[in-house]
């Protein structure tokens, strides 16, 4: 599969997962008053403070613009715990298409929206109680990460001399 094909496939899977019915709480979404850039920085630092690694940040705005959607700030953050993903891939290879976890971040007016699939939505596809327990742990972590982003304020963020935002505690 080409790089462009892989990107299209990832976008298709993400959008199909995010299109699951929100009323069933299959999607976790928060809105913040933080600017897009600060929200991205805060989110990435927050992901790492929860013990996860940001594996990749995918720009989606160019592809969306080509498809006729008017957006300039849209990213997908791929995150996980390396050892955990390796173990789960080995023990449950049917889980590989859902790994690593993904969080979509996009600007909407003066707000930033942060959204992810609720990992417990995967219970529909996996009956193994060990996996379901893993999905619940991921849900708890993602809820905590998103809640901290939603409750953050600009005064917690300081612009450093190098121009890179730094989170203050």
C-alpha atoms as a PDB file:
ATOM      1  CA  UNK A   1       0.000   0.000   0.000  1.00  0.00           C
ATOM      2  CA  UNK A   2       1.355   3.422  -0.927  1.00  0.00           C
ATOM      3  CA  UNK A   3       1.793   6.174   1.642  1.00  0.00           C
ATOM      4  CA  UNK A   4      -1.148   8.091   0.173  1.00  0.00           C
ATOM      5  CA  UNK A   5      -3.266   4.938   0.222  1.00  0.00           C
ATOM      6  CA  UNK A   6      -2.298   4.237   3.826  1.00  0.00           C
ATOM      7  CA  UNK A   7      -3.218   7.796   4.830  1.00  0.00           C
ATOM      8  CA  UNK A   8      -6.600   7.473   3.095  1.00  0.00           C
ATOM      9  CA  UNK A   9      -7.200   4.133   4.811  1.00  0.00           C
ATOM     10  CA  UNK A  10      -6.311   5.576   8.238  1.00  0.00           C
ATOM     11  CA  UNK A  11      -8.574   8.596   7.650  1.00  0.00           C
ATOM     12  CA  UNK A  12     -11.413   6.325   6.496  1.00  0.00           C
ATOM     13  CA  UNK A  13     -11.102   4.077   9.564  1.00  0.00           C
ATOM     14  CA  UNK A  14     -10.900   7.058  11.919  1.00  0.00           C
ATOM     15  CA  UNK A  15     -13.886   8.814  10.378  1.00  0.00           C
ATOM     16  CA  UNK A  16     -15.933   5.601  10.356  1.00  0.00           C
ATOM     17  CA  UNK A  17     -15.099   4.971  14.008  1.00  0.00           C
ATOM     18  CA  UNK A  18     -15.916   8.553  14.927  1.00  0.00           C
ATOM     19  CA  UNK A  19     -19.244   8.279  13.104  1.00  0.00           C
ATOM     20  CA  UNK A  20     -20.563   5.715  15.592  1.00  0.00           C
ATOM     21  CA  UNK A  21     -23.653   7.024  17.424  1.00  0.00           C
ATOM     22  CA  UNK A  22     -22.570   9.655  19.948  1.00  0.00           C
ATOM     23  CA  UNK A  23     -25.669   9.100  22.071  1.00  0.00           C
ATOM     24  CA  UNK A  24     -24.288   5.672  23.001  1.00  0.00           C
ATOM     25  CA  UNK A  25     -21.206   7.438  24.393  1.00  0.00           C
ATOM     26  CA  UNK A  26     -19.016   5.816  21.772  1.00  0.00           C
ATOM     27  CA  UNK A  27     -17.324   9.154  21.192  1.00  0.00           C
ATOM     28  CA  UNK A  28     -15.560  11.177  23.855  1.00  0.00           C
ATOM     29  CA  UNK A  29     -15.466  14.868  22.909  1.00  0.00           C
ATOM     30  CA  UNK A  30     -14.516  18.071  24.691  1.00  0.00           C
ATOM     31  CA  UNK A  31     -14.446  21.708  23.638  1.00  0.00           C
ATOM     32  CA  UNK A  32     -11.841  24.120  24.948  1.00  0.00           C
ATOM     33  CA  UNK A  33     -11.276  27.857  24.657  1.00  0.00           C
ATOM     34  CA  UNK A  34      -7.545  27.224  24.176  1.00  0.00           C
ATOM     35  CA  UNK A  35      -6.172  28.184  20.772  1.00  0.00           C
ATOM     36  CA  UNK A  36      -5.515  25.248  18.485  1.00  0.00           C
ATOM     37  CA  UNK A  37      -1.714  25.441  18.886  1.00  0.00           C
ATOM     38  CA  UNK A  38      -1.835  25.667  22.671  1.00  0.00           C
ATOM     39  CA  UNK A  39      -4.460  22.915  22.871  1.00  0.00           C
ATOM     40  CA  UNK A  40      -2.232  20.649  20.758  1.00  0.00           C
ATOM     41  CA  UNK A  41       0.779  21.359  22.962  1.00  0.00           C
ATOM     42  CA  UNK A  42      -1.191  20.932  26.189  1.00  0.00           C
ATOM     43  CA  UNK A  43      -2.782  17.714  24.907  1.00  0.00           C
ATOM     44  CA  UNK A  44       0.536  16.181  23.872  1.00  0.00           C
ATOM     45  CA  UNK A  45       2.132  17.036  27.224  1.00  0.00           C
ATOM     46  CA  UNK A  46      -0.930  15.695  29.014  1.00  0.00           C
ATOM     47  CA  UNK A  47      -0.810  12.437  27.022  1.00  0.00           C
ATOM     48  CA  UNK A  48       2.812  11.971  28.064  1.00  0.00           C
ATOM     49  CA  UNK A  49       2.056  12.812  31.718  1.00  0.00           C
ATOM     50  CA  UNK A  50      -0.443   9.916  31.668  1.00  0.00           C
ATOM     51  CA  UNK A  51       2.332   7.516  30.645  1.00  0.00           C
ATOM     52  CA  UNK A  52       1.570   7.378  26.923  1.00  0.00           C
ATOM     53  CA  UNK A  53       3.837   8.217  24.008  1.00  0.00           C
ATOM     54  CA  UNK A  54       2.763  10.395  21.107  1.00  0.00           C
ATOM     55  CA  UNK A  55       3.752   8.148  18.205  1.00  0.00           C
ATOM     56  CA  UNK A  56       2.722  10.442  15.358  1.00  0.00           C
ATOM     57  CA  UNK A  57       0.751  13.592  14.566  1.00  0.00           C
ATOM     58  CA  UNK A  58      -1.066  13.417  11.217  1.00  0.00           C
ATOM     59  CA  UNK A  59      -2.151  16.568   9.380  1.00  0.00           C
ATOM     60  CA  UNK A  60      -5.573  16.028   7.842  1.00  0.00           C
ATOM     61  CA  UNK A  61      -6.476  19.559   6.784  1.00  0.00           C
ATOM     62  CA  UNK A  62      -4.894  19.385   3.312  1.00  0.00           C
ATOM     63  CA  UNK A  63      -6.822  16.266   2.360  1.00  0.00           C
ATOM     64  CA  UNK A  64     -10.032  17.687   3.788  1.00  0.00           C
ATOM     65  CA  UNK A  65      -9.524  20.918   1.831  1.00  0.00           C
ATOM     66  CA  UNK A  66      -9.006  18.931  -1.379  1.00  0.00           C
ATOM     67  CA  UNK A  67     -12.265  17.095  -0.620  1.00  0.00           C
ATOM     68  CA  UNK A  68     -14.087  20.444  -0.372  1.00  0.00           C
ATOM     69  CA  UNK A  69     -14.147  20.866   3.418  1.00  0.00           C
ATOM     70  CA  UNK A  70     -13.124  24.318   4.623  1.00  0.00           C
ATOM     71  CA  UNK A  71     -10.715  23.712   7.498  1.00  0.00           C
ATOM     72  CA  UNK A  72      -7.166  24.741   8.181  1.00  0.00           C
ATOM     73  CA  UNK A  73      -6.481  23.127  11.528  1.00  0.00           C
ATOM     74  CA  UNK A  74      -7.176  19.411  11.830  1.00  0.00           C
ATOM     75  CA  UNK A  75      -4.779  16.839  13.295  1.00  0.00           C
ATOM     76  CA  UNK A  76      -4.915  13.242  14.483  1.00  0.00           C
ATOM     77  CA  UNK A  77      -2.621  12.249  17.327  1.00  0.00           C
ATOM     78  CA  UNK A  78      -1.595   8.578  17.474  1.00  0.00           C
ATOM     79  CA  UNK A  79      -0.717   7.505  20.991  1.00  0.00           C
ATOM     80  CA  UNK A  80       0.003   4.448  23.036  1.00  0.00           C
ATOM     81  CA  UNK A  81       2.311   2.644  25.385  1.00  0.00           C
ATOM     82  CA  UNK A  82       4.868   0.835  23.242  1.00  0.00           C
ATOM     83  CA  UNK A  83       5.177  -2.333  25.348  1.00  0.00           C
ATOM     84  CA  UNK A  84       1.405  -2.547  25.768  1.00  0.00           C
ATOM     85  CA  UNK A  85       0.758  -2.219  22.026  1.00  0.00           C
ATOM     86  CA  UNK A  86       3.449  -4.800  21.229  1.00  0.00           C
ATOM     87  CA  UNK A  87       1.979  -7.242  23.759  1.00  0.00           C
ATOM     88  CA  UNK A  88      -1.603  -6.734  22.571  1.00  0.00           C
ATOM     89  CA  UNK A  89      -0.554  -7.078  18.916  1.00  0.00           C
ATOM     90  CA  UNK A  90       1.142 -10.367  19.742  1.00  0.00           C
ATOM     91  CA  UNK A  91      -1.625 -11.775  21.976  1.00  0.00           C
ATOM     92  CA  UNK A  92      -4.640 -10.420  20.050  1.00  0.00           C
ATOM     93  CA  UNK A  93      -3.647  -9.686  16.440  1.00  0.00           C
ATOM     94  CA  UNK A  94      -7.302  -8.993  15.577  1.00  0.00           C
ATOM     95  CA  UNK A  95      -6.904  -5.792  17.627  1.00  0.00           C
ATOM     96  CA  UNK A  96      -4.126  -4.416  15.380  1.00  0.00           C
ATOM     97  CA  UNK A  97      -6.443  -2.319  13.126  1.00  0.00           C
ATOM     98  CA  UNK A  98      -7.529  -0.338  16.206  1.00  0.00           C
ATOM     99  CA  UNK A  99      -4.000   0.386  17.447  1.00  0.00           C
ATOM    100  CA  UNK A 100      -2.554   2.765  18.413  1.00  0.00           C
ATOM    101  CA  UNK A 101      -5.224   4.927  20.032  1.00  0.00           C
ATOM    102  CA  UNK A 102      -6.144   8.080  18.129  1.00  0.00           C
ATOM    103  CA  UNK A 103      -7.343  11.531  19.155  1.00  0.00           C
ATOM    104  CA  UNK A 104      -8.698  14.016  16.606  1.00  0.00           C
ATOM    105  CA  UNK A 105      -8.079  17.720  17.255  1.00  0.00           C
ATOM    106  CA  UNK A 106      -9.643  20.457  15.149  1.00  0.00           C
ATOM    107  CA  UNK A 107     -10.417  24.146  15.266  1.00  0.00           C
ATOM    108  CA  UNK A 108     -14.022  25.294  15.239  1.00  0.00           C
ATOM    109  CA  UNK A 109     -14.240  29.059  15.261  1.00  0.00           C
ATOM    110  CA  UNK A 110     -12.435  30.278  18.361  1.00  0.00           C
ATOM    111  CA  UNK A 111     -12.693  26.878  20.039  1.00  0.00           C
ATOM    112  CA  UNK A 112     -10.694  23.696  19.732  1.00  0.00           C
ATOM    113  CA  UNK A 113     -12.511  20.344  19.679  1.00  0.00           C
ATOM    114  CA  UNK A 114     -10.771  17.205  20.924  1.00  0.00           C
ATOM    115  CA  UNK A 115     -12.452  13.902  20.143  1.00  0.00           C
ATOM    116  CA  UNK A 116     -11.731  10.177  20.259  1.00  0.00           C
ATOM    117  CA  UNK A 117     -13.582   6.914  20.040  1.00  0.00           C
ATOM    118  CA  UNK A 118     -14.469   5.481  23.425  1.00  0.00           C
ATOM    119  CA  UNK A 119     -12.360   2.298  23.558  1.00  0.00           C
ATOM    120  CA  UNK A 120     -15.230   0.460  25.270  1.00  0.00           C
ATOM    121  CA  UNK A 121     -17.112   0.720  21.945  1.00  0.00           C
ATOM    122  CA  UNK A 122     -14.809  -2.124  20.896  1.00  0.00           C
ATOM    123  CA  UNK A 123     -16.686  -4.383  23.333  1.00  0.00           C
ATOM    124  CA  UNK A 124     -19.091  -4.952  20.419  1.00  0.00           C
ATOM    125  CA  UNK A 125     -16.319  -6.795  18.583  1.00  0.00           C
ATOM    126  CA  UNK A 126     -14.357  -8.452  21.404  1.00  0.00           C
ATOM    127  CA  UNK A 127     -15.810 -10.736  24.089  1.00  0.00           C
ATOM    128  CA  UNK A 128     -12.489 -11.458  25.840  1.00  0.00           C
ATOM    129  CA  UNK A 129     -12.754 -10.032  29.355  1.00  0.00           C
ATOM    130  CA  UNK A 130      -9.024  -9.226  29.462  1.00  0.00           C
ATOM    131  CA  UNK A 131      -9.455  -7.000  26.401  1.00  0.00           C
ATOM    132  CA  UNK A 132     -12.581  -5.432  27.856  1.00  0.00           C
ATOM    133  CA  UNK A 133     -10.656  -4.591  31.023  1.00  0.00           C
ATOM    134  CA  UNK A 134      -7.971  -2.996  28.822  1.00  0.00           C
ATOM    135  CA  UNK A 135     -10.636  -0.978  26.987  1.00  0.00           C
ATOM    136  CA  UNK A 136     -11.964   0.291  30.341  1.00  0.00           C
ATOM    137  CA  UNK A 137      -8.445   1.356  31.413  1.00  0.00           C
ATOM    138  CA  UNK A 138      -7.983   3.205  28.138  1.00  0.00           C
ATOM    139  CA  UNK A 139     -11.391   4.850  28.552  1.00  0.00           C
ATOM    140  CA  UNK A 140     -10.481   6.061  32.049  1.00  0.00           C
ATOM    141  CA  UNK A 141      -7.147   7.439  30.831  1.00  0.00           C
ATOM    142  CA  UNK A 142      -8.671   9.153  27.780  1.00  0.00           C
ATOM    143  CA  UNK A 143     -11.461  10.689  29.867  1.00  0.00           C
ATOM    144  CA  UNK A 144      -8.858  12.052  32.277  1.00  0.00           C
ATOM    145  CA  UNK A 145      -6.719  13.429  29.424  1.00  0.00           C
ATOM    146  CA  UNK A 146      -9.698  15.068  27.708  1.00  0.00           C
ATOM    147  CA  UNK A 147     -11.123  16.462  30.955  1.00  0.00           C
ATOM    148  CA  UNK A 148      -7.802  18.113  31.773  1.00  0.00           C
ATOM    149  CA  UNK A 149      -7.708  19.702  28.316  1.00  0.00           C
ATOM    150  CA  UNK A 150     -11.298  20.919  28.700  1.00  0.00           C
ATOM    151  CA  UNK A 151     -10.625  22.395  32.137  1.00  0.00           C
ATOM    152  CA  UNK A 152      -7.314  24.028  31.213  1.00  0.00           C
ATOM    153  CA  UNK A 153      -6.997  27.770  30.883  1.00  0.00           C
ATOM    154  CA  UNK A 154      -4.578  29.908  28.893  1.00  0.00           C
ATOM    155  CA  UNK A 155      -3.014  31.252  32.086  1.00  0.00           C
ATOM    156  CA  UNK A 156      -1.586  27.758  32.705  1.00  0.00           C
ATOM    157  CA  UNK A 157       0.470  28.055  29.524  1.00  0.00           C
ATOM    158  CA  UNK A 158       3.558  30.207  29.134  1.00  0.00           C
ATOM    159  CA  UNK A 159       5.254  31.094  25.852  1.00  0.00           C
ATOM    160  CA  UNK A 160       8.971  30.298  26.172  1.00  0.00           C
ATOM    161  CA  UNK A 161      11.787  32.265  24.552  1.00  0.00           C
ATOM    162  CA  UNK A 162      12.116  29.588  21.852  1.00  0.00           C
ATOM    163  CA  UNK A 163       8.448  30.064  20.965  1.00  0.00           C
ATOM    164  CA  UNK A 164       7.413  26.576  22.021  1.00  0.00           C
ATOM    165  CA  UNK A 165       4.551  26.513  24.534  1.00  0.00           C
ATOM    166  CA  UNK A 166       5.396  25.118  27.954  1.00  0.00           C
ATOM    167  CA  UNK A 167       2.772  23.896  30.415  1.00  0.00           C
ATOM    168  CA  UNK A 168       2.871  25.324  33.930  1.00  0.00           C
ATOM    169  CA  UNK A 169       1.569  23.340  36.887  1.00  0.00           C
END
